[in-house]
N, C-alpha and C. Protein backbone atom coordinates (compact mmCIF):
# COMPACT_ATOMS: atom_id res chain seq x y z
N MET A 1 -3.20 -37.74 -5.52
CA MET A 1 -3.55 -37.05 -4.28
C MET A 1 -2.08 -36.20 -3.91
N HIS A 2 -0.98 -36.87 -4.09
CA HIS A 2 0.35 -36.37 -3.85
C HIS A 2 0.46 -35.03 -4.87
N LYS A 3 0.19 -35.33 -6.03
CA LYS A 3 0.37 -34.28 -6.86
C LYS A 3 -0.36 -33.17 -6.77
N ILE A 4 -1.62 -33.09 -6.14
CA ILE A 4 -2.37 -32.15 -5.74
C ILE A 4 -1.73 -31.37 -4.86
N ALA A 5 -1.27 -31.86 -3.65
CA ALA A 5 -0.68 -31.42 -2.36
C ALA A 5 0.77 -30.55 -2.89
N ILE A 6 1.19 -30.93 -3.89
CA ILE A 6 2.62 -30.32 -4.42
C ILE A 6 2.12 -29.23 -5.12
N SER A 7 1.35 -29.47 -6.11
CA SER A 7 0.67 -28.24 -6.75
C SER A 7 0.30 -27.09 -5.94
N ILE A 8 -0.50 -27.32 -4.90
CA ILE A 8 -0.95 -26.29 -3.89
C ILE A 8 0.43 -25.70 -3.38
N ALA A 9 1.34 -26.54 -2.75
CA ALA A 9 2.53 -25.99 -2.19
C ALA A 9 3.25 -25.21 -2.90
N LEU A 10 3.29 -25.45 -4.29
CA LEU A 10 4.09 -24.46 -5.29
C LEU A 10 3.27 -23.35 -5.32
N PHE A 11 1.87 -23.36 -5.56
CA PHE A 11 1.06 -22.32 -5.93
C PHE A 11 1.22 -21.16 -4.78
N HIS A 12 1.28 -21.82 -3.49
CA HIS A 12 1.52 -21.06 -2.36
C HIS A 12 3.00 -20.33 -2.29
N ILE A 13 3.95 -21.24 -2.63
CA ILE A 13 5.14 -20.56 -2.67
C ILE A 13 5.36 -19.35 -3.69
N VAL A 14 4.88 -19.68 -5.00
CA VAL A 14 4.87 -18.43 -6.01
C VAL A 14 4.00 -17.21 -5.52
N SER A 15 2.86 -17.25 -4.96
CA SER A 15 2.01 -16.34 -4.45
C SER A 15 2.67 -15.57 -3.35
N VAL A 16 3.30 -16.05 -2.38
CA VAL A 16 4.19 -15.57 -1.43
C VAL A 16 5.22 -14.82 -1.90
N SER A 17 6.07 -15.44 -2.74
CA SER A 17 7.16 -14.84 -3.48
C SER A 17 6.77 -13.42 -4.37
N LEU A 18 5.44 -13.53 -4.88
CA LEU A 18 5.10 -12.54 -5.81
C LEU A 18 4.69 -11.26 -4.59
N TRP A 19 4.05 -11.66 -3.86
CA TRP A 19 3.72 -10.78 -2.80
C TRP A 19 4.86 -9.99 -2.04
N ALA A 20 5.69 -10.93 -1.69
CA ALA A 20 6.84 -10.27 -1.23
C ALA A 20 7.84 -9.35 -2.30
N GLY A 21 7.64 -9.56 -3.23
CA GLY A 21 8.40 -8.76 -4.56
C GLY A 21 7.87 -7.52 -4.42
N ASN A 22 6.30 -7.55 -4.38
CA ASN A 22 5.36 -6.27 -4.47
C ASN A 22 5.66 -5.36 -3.13
N VAL A 23 5.72 -6.25 -1.93
CA VAL A 23 6.22 -5.29 -0.86
C VAL A 23 7.55 -4.64 -0.92
N GLU A 24 8.44 -5.38 -1.64
CA GLU A 24 9.86 -4.86 -1.60
C GLU A 24 9.67 -3.69 -2.65
N SER A 25 9.08 -3.70 -3.83
CA SER A 25 8.78 -2.71 -4.69
C SER A 25 8.18 -1.67 -4.02
N GLY A 26 7.15 -1.62 -3.31
CA GLY A 26 6.57 -0.76 -2.55
C GLY A 26 7.18 0.02 -1.69
N GLU A 27 8.15 -0.78 -0.83
CA GLU A 27 9.06 -0.02 0.00
C GLU A 27 10.00 0.75 -0.65
N LYS A 28 10.33 0.63 -1.87
CA LYS A 28 11.25 1.43 -2.81
C LYS A 28 10.48 2.77 -3.22
N ILE A 29 9.23 2.46 -3.65
CA ILE A 29 8.53 3.76 -3.80
C ILE A 29 8.53 4.58 -2.65
N PHE A 30 7.97 3.92 -1.37
CA PHE A 30 7.94 4.68 -0.27
C PHE A 30 9.06 5.58 0.11
N SER A 31 10.36 5.01 -0.03
CA SER A 31 11.48 5.73 0.25
C SER A 31 11.88 6.65 -0.74
N THR A 32 11.13 6.54 -2.09
CA THR A 32 11.02 7.79 -2.92
C THR A 32 10.21 8.73 -2.80
N LEU A 33 8.96 8.35 -2.53
CA LEU A 33 8.00 9.42 -2.64
C LEU A 33 7.21 9.79 -1.30
N CYS A 34 7.21 8.95 -0.34
CA CYS A 34 6.22 9.06 0.67
C CYS A 34 6.89 9.35 2.05
N TRP A 35 8.30 9.10 2.11
CA TRP A 35 9.00 9.02 3.57
C TRP A 35 8.95 10.55 4.00
N GLY A 36 8.82 11.62 3.36
CA GLY A 36 8.95 13.07 3.64
C GLY A 36 7.74 13.31 4.65
N CYS A 37 6.75 12.66 4.50
CA CYS A 37 5.62 13.03 5.33
C CYS A 37 5.15 11.59 6.32
N HIS A 38 5.35 10.55 5.68
CA HIS A 38 4.81 9.23 6.32
C HIS A 38 6.14 8.28 7.02
N HIS A 39 5.86 7.60 7.97
CA HIS A 39 6.67 6.49 8.47
C HIS A 39 5.83 5.39 8.50
N PRO A 40 6.52 4.23 8.35
CA PRO A 40 5.79 3.01 8.30
C PRO A 40 5.00 2.85 9.68
N THR A 41 5.57 3.09 10.88
CA THR A 41 4.97 2.72 12.19
C THR A 41 4.66 3.94 12.91
N ALA A 42 5.02 4.97 12.82
CA ALA A 42 5.27 5.90 13.81
C ALA A 42 4.44 7.26 13.11
N GLU A 43 3.87 7.98 13.88
CA GLU A 43 2.99 9.15 13.18
C GLU A 43 3.95 10.10 12.86
N ALA A 44 3.85 10.82 11.67
CA ALA A 44 4.69 11.92 11.32
C ALA A 44 3.85 13.10 10.94
N PHE A 45 4.25 13.69 9.88
CA PHE A 45 3.45 14.84 9.25
C PHE A 45 2.01 14.39 8.82
N GLY A 46 2.21 13.01 8.20
CA GLY A 46 0.89 12.23 7.87
C GLY A 46 0.81 11.14 8.78
N PRO A 47 -0.35 10.49 8.72
CA PRO A 47 -0.59 9.04 9.48
C PRO A 47 0.63 8.01 8.93
N SER A 48 0.80 7.32 10.02
CA SER A 48 1.86 6.28 9.64
C SER A 48 1.11 5.09 8.80
N PHE A 49 1.89 4.41 8.15
CA PHE A 49 1.05 3.34 7.18
C PHE A 49 0.38 2.38 8.07
N ARG A 50 0.93 1.95 9.27
CA ARG A 50 0.36 0.93 10.12
C ARG A 50 -1.45 1.65 10.28
N THR A 51 -1.24 2.99 10.70
CA THR A 51 -2.66 3.58 11.07
C THR A 51 -3.44 3.48 9.75
N ILE A 52 -2.80 3.80 8.59
CA ILE A 52 -3.57 3.87 7.31
C ILE A 52 -4.27 2.33 7.20
N ALA A 53 -3.21 1.37 7.23
CA ALA A 53 -3.65 -0.01 6.91
C ALA A 53 -4.55 -0.43 7.85
N GLN A 54 -4.86 0.11 8.94
CA GLN A 54 -5.80 -0.30 9.79
C GLN A 54 -7.18 0.21 9.47
N LYS A 55 -7.04 1.45 9.05
CA LYS A 55 -8.49 2.18 8.98
C LYS A 55 -9.07 2.20 7.39
N ARG A 56 -8.30 1.91 6.46
CA ARG A 56 -8.42 1.96 4.95
C ARG A 56 -8.37 0.68 4.20
N THR A 57 -9.16 0.51 3.22
CA THR A 57 -9.08 -0.57 2.09
C THR A 57 -7.99 -0.15 1.15
N GLU A 58 -7.78 -1.16 0.52
CA GLU A 58 -6.71 -1.03 -0.51
C GLU A 58 -7.16 0.08 -1.79
N ASN A 59 -8.28 0.06 -1.91
CA ASN A 59 -8.94 0.88 -2.95
C ASN A 59 -9.03 2.43 -2.42
N GLN A 60 -9.35 2.42 -1.17
CA GLN A 60 -9.18 3.94 -0.50
C GLN A 60 -7.68 4.49 -0.49
N ILE A 61 -6.98 3.67 -0.34
CA ILE A 61 -5.56 3.81 -0.31
C ILE A 61 -5.08 4.49 -1.74
N LYS A 62 -5.48 3.72 -2.61
CA LYS A 62 -5.09 3.98 -4.13
C LYS A 62 -5.67 5.29 -4.45
N SER A 63 -7.06 5.49 -4.01
CA SER A 63 -7.38 6.81 -4.27
C SER A 63 -7.14 8.10 -3.67
N GLN A 64 -6.69 7.69 -2.51
CA GLN A 64 -6.05 8.82 -1.58
C GLN A 64 -4.57 9.12 -2.29
N ILE A 65 -3.97 8.19 -2.91
CA ILE A 65 -2.53 8.28 -3.65
C ILE A 65 -3.10 9.28 -4.99
N LEU A 66 -4.00 8.71 -5.73
CA LEU A 66 -4.10 9.38 -7.06
C LEU A 66 -4.78 10.61 -6.88
N ARG A 67 -5.87 10.78 -6.18
CA ARG A 67 -6.82 12.05 -6.10
C ARG A 67 -7.22 12.28 -4.91
N PRO A 68 -6.28 12.63 -4.05
CA PRO A 68 -6.65 13.07 -2.59
C PRO A 68 -7.59 14.30 -2.37
N ASP A 69 -7.33 15.07 -3.58
CA ASP A 69 -8.40 16.35 -3.47
C ASP A 69 -10.03 15.94 -3.69
N LEU A 70 -10.09 14.65 -4.21
CA LEU A 70 -11.49 14.04 -4.31
C LEU A 70 -12.00 13.29 -3.25
N ILE A 71 -11.13 12.74 -2.51
CA ILE A 71 -11.59 11.68 -1.52
C ILE A 71 -11.40 12.07 -0.06
N TYR A 72 -10.53 13.01 0.31
CA TYR A 72 -10.07 13.23 1.74
C TYR A 72 -11.45 13.53 2.50
N ARG A 73 -12.51 14.27 2.10
CA ARG A 73 -13.55 14.38 2.94
C ARG A 73 -14.36 13.08 3.18
N ALA A 74 -14.49 12.09 2.14
CA ALA A 74 -15.21 10.90 2.52
C ALA A 74 -14.01 10.02 3.43
N LEU A 75 -12.78 10.47 3.50
CA LEU A 75 -12.05 9.52 4.30
C LEU A 75 -11.88 10.10 5.87
N GLY A 76 -12.84 11.14 6.17
CA GLY A 76 -12.86 11.94 7.42
C GLY A 76 -11.87 13.08 7.76
N TYR A 77 -11.11 13.40 6.67
CA TYR A 77 -10.41 14.75 6.70
C TYR A 77 -11.02 15.96 6.86
N LYS A 78 -10.75 17.03 7.54
CA LYS A 78 -11.24 18.54 7.28
C LYS A 78 -10.55 19.00 6.00
N ARG A 79 -9.46 18.84 5.64
CA ARG A 79 -8.85 19.49 4.61
C ARG A 79 -7.76 18.49 4.09
N ASN A 80 -7.12 18.87 2.86
CA ASN A 80 -6.49 17.89 2.14
C ASN A 80 -4.93 18.43 2.25
N SER A 81 -4.13 17.75 2.62
CA SER A 81 -2.57 18.37 2.52
C SER A 81 -1.67 17.42 1.93
N MET A 82 -2.13 16.30 1.40
CA MET A 82 -1.58 15.32 0.63
C MET A 82 -1.59 15.75 -1.04
N PRO A 83 -0.32 15.74 -1.62
CA PRO A 83 -0.28 16.09 -3.08
C PRO A 83 -0.72 14.82 -3.90
N SER A 84 -1.43 14.95 -5.24
CA SER A 84 -1.51 13.82 -5.83
C SER A 84 -0.31 13.08 -6.40
N PHE A 85 -0.51 12.00 -6.92
CA PHE A 85 0.94 11.28 -7.55
C PHE A 85 0.23 10.63 -8.49
N VAL A 86 1.16 10.72 -9.59
CA VAL A 86 1.04 10.15 -11.13
C VAL A 86 1.96 8.88 -10.89
N MET A 87 1.43 7.62 -11.17
CA MET A 87 2.26 6.45 -11.15
C MET A 87 1.61 5.46 -11.96
N SER A 88 2.47 4.42 -12.30
CA SER A 88 1.79 3.30 -13.19
C SER A 88 0.92 2.56 -12.36
N GLU A 89 0.07 1.72 -12.67
CA GLU A 89 -0.80 0.82 -12.03
C GLU A 89 0.17 -0.06 -11.03
N ASN A 90 1.03 -0.50 -11.82
CA ASN A 90 2.10 -1.59 -11.33
C ASN A 90 2.38 -0.83 -9.75
N ASP A 91 3.26 0.32 -9.99
CA ASP A 91 3.61 1.15 -8.95
C ASP A 91 2.44 1.18 -7.68
N LEU A 92 1.42 1.67 -8.10
CA LEU A 92 0.14 1.86 -7.17
C LEU A 92 -0.07 0.72 -6.63
N ASN A 93 -0.28 -0.33 -7.26
CA ASN A 93 -0.55 -1.65 -6.67
C ASN A 93 0.61 -2.10 -5.58
N ASN A 94 1.91 -1.81 -5.78
CA ASN A 94 2.90 -2.02 -5.19
C ASN A 94 2.97 -1.31 -3.95
N ILE A 95 2.75 0.11 -4.06
CA ILE A 95 2.75 0.71 -2.63
C ILE A 95 1.61 0.42 -1.92
N ALA A 96 0.45 0.40 -2.49
CA ALA A 96 -0.85 -0.32 -1.58
C ALA A 96 -0.63 -1.33 -0.81
N ILE A 97 0.05 -2.15 -1.58
CA ILE A 97 0.48 -3.54 -1.07
C ILE A 97 1.50 -3.37 0.27
N TYR A 98 2.56 -2.74 0.04
CA TYR A 98 3.33 -2.31 0.92
C TYR A 98 2.73 -1.72 2.43
N ILE A 99 1.88 -0.73 1.93
CA ILE A 99 1.02 -0.19 3.23
C ILE A 99 0.06 -1.17 3.74
N MET A 100 -0.69 -1.93 3.21
CA MET A 100 -1.49 -2.81 3.61
C MET A 100 -0.57 -4.20 4.63
N SER A 101 0.70 -4.10 3.99
CA SER A 101 1.34 -5.14 5.05
C SER A 101 1.72 -4.92 6.24
N PHE A 102 1.19 -3.46 6.66
CA PHE A 102 1.49 -3.07 8.20
C PHE A 102 0.16 -3.31 8.89
N LYS A 103 -0.73 -3.89 8.38
CA LYS A 103 -1.85 -4.17 8.98
C LYS A 103 -1.95 -5.24 10.10
């Protein structure tokens, strides 16, 4: 029984560490690509990450990053002002995790 508790605790620590690493990587992507239009907690040219995290799923966020021209109407926008970004799947996951961390 004691070994099971230790295994569960170690799994939790590793999971939290990986998630934190992804958030940190996502923050670096934000500072490179997103900061000109978005702010983590305040409205700027684009909505804040806090607002996005409250209204969108992770898949919607990823779709908006990769192909905003295809999804903006489905998300309730009248026009698209966001450029599309080409990034690795890893970077896309990291920025989505970073945005969702503001939920």
